[in-house]
Amino acid sequence: MPSKKINPLSPKKLLLSKWTAVHPVNKRKHFLVSKVILPELPEEAIEFVELEAVFDKVIQTISWRDLKNTEIWLQGWV
């Protein structure tokens, strides 16, 4: 079973970070973390971020842990 490479990430340092989709959809390849969604209770862990497509400004909400999967996301704009 092939191992998945994992990007070392901290949810607290994701804001305004740049990402490239490995498999672009509708010309959306480059993204920016526009918002880190904080949990309702401060003691709970951060779970989600909003990604904004650079091409057309479409926003999607994903689990920040999905960004660790290098089969889906690459850090930076490649």
Protein backbone atom coordinates (compact mmCIF):
# COMPACT_ATOMS: atom_id res chain seq x y z
CA MET A 1 0.00 0.00 0.00
CA PRO A 2 1.60 3.32 -1.03
CA SER A 3 2.10 5.82 1.75
CA LYS A 4 0.68 9.32 1.41
CA LYS A 5 3.14 12.14 1.81
CA ILE A 6 2.07 14.61 4.44
CA ASN A 7 2.83 18.33 4.58
CA PRO A 8 3.76 19.45 8.11
CA LEU A 9 1.08 22.05 8.90
CA SER A 10 -0.30 23.99 11.80
CA PRO A 11 -3.86 25.31 11.52
CA LYS A 12 -2.81 28.52 13.28
CA LYS A 13 -0.37 29.39 10.46
CA LEU A 14 -2.65 28.70 7.49
CA LEU A 15 -4.23 32.14 7.03
CA LEU A 16 -3.21 33.65 3.65
CA SER A 17 -1.14 30.59 2.73
CA LYS A 18 -1.07 29.61 -0.96
CA TRP A 19 -2.07 26.21 -2.37
CA THR A 20 -2.16 24.48 -5.76
CA ALA A 21 -4.74 21.83 -6.61
CA VAL A 22 -3.09 18.73 -8.09
CA HIS A 23 -6.20 18.13 -10.25
CA PRO A 24 -7.73 21.53 -11.16
CA VAL A 25 -11.48 21.80 -11.71
CA ASN A 26 -13.02 24.57 -13.89
CA LYS A 27 -9.63 26.28 -14.28
CA ARG A 28 -9.37 26.60 -10.50
CA LYS A 29 -5.80 25.62 -9.73
CA HIS A 30 -4.42 28.25 -7.37
CA PHE A 31 -6.00 28.95 -4.01
CA LEU A 32 -5.47 31.17 -0.98
CA VAL A 33 -6.61 30.37 2.54
CA SER A 34 -8.87 33.38 3.05
CA LYS A 35 -10.27 32.42 6.45
CA VAL A 36 -9.54 30.03 9.30
CA ILE A 37 -12.89 29.06 10.79
CA LEU A 38 -12.66 29.14 14.56
CA PRO A 39 -14.73 26.72 16.64
CA GLU A 40 -17.59 27.99 18.78
CA LEU A 41 -15.77 27.00 21.95
CA PRO A 42 -12.21 28.35 22.24
CA GLU A 43 -10.88 25.12 23.76
CA GLU A 44 -11.92 23.09 20.71
CA ALA A 45 -9.53 22.48 17.82
CA ILE A 46 -9.68 24.32 14.50
CA GLU A 47 -11.32 22.06 11.92
CA PHE A 48 -12.07 24.05 8.75
CA VAL A 49 -10.63 26.73 6.49
CA GLU A 50 -12.05 28.68 3.56
CA LEU A 51 -10.11 28.45 0.30
CA GLU A 52 -10.58 31.19 -2.28
CA ALA A 53 -9.80 30.40 -5.92
CA VAL A 54 -7.50 33.01 -7.42
CA PHE A 55 -9.02 32.57 -10.91
CA ASP A 56 -12.64 33.46 -10.12
CA LYS A 57 -12.83 34.15 -6.35
CA VAL A 58 -15.05 31.11 -5.66
CA ILE A 59 -14.85 30.13 -1.98
CA GLN A 60 -15.00 26.59 -0.66
CA THR A 61 -14.81 25.28 2.89
CA ILE A 62 -12.63 22.25 3.55
CA SER A 63 -11.06 20.48 6.51
CA TRP A 64 -7.62 22.00 7.03
CA ARG A 65 -6.24 18.46 7.38
CA ASP A 66 -7.09 17.80 3.70
CA LEU A 67 -4.28 20.20 2.81
CA LYS A 68 -1.80 17.67 4.21
CA ASN A 69 -2.59 15.21 1.41
CA THR A 70 -0.05 15.82 -1.37
CA GLU A 71 -2.15 13.78 -3.80
CA ILE A 72 -4.73 16.60 -3.66
CA TRP A 73 -2.86 19.77 -2.61
CA LEU A 74 0.63 21.20 -3.05
CA GLN A 75 1.81 24.01 -0.83
CA GLY A 76 2.57 27.23 -2.71
CA TRP A 77 1.64 28.14 -6.26
CA VAL A 78 3.24 25.63 -8.59
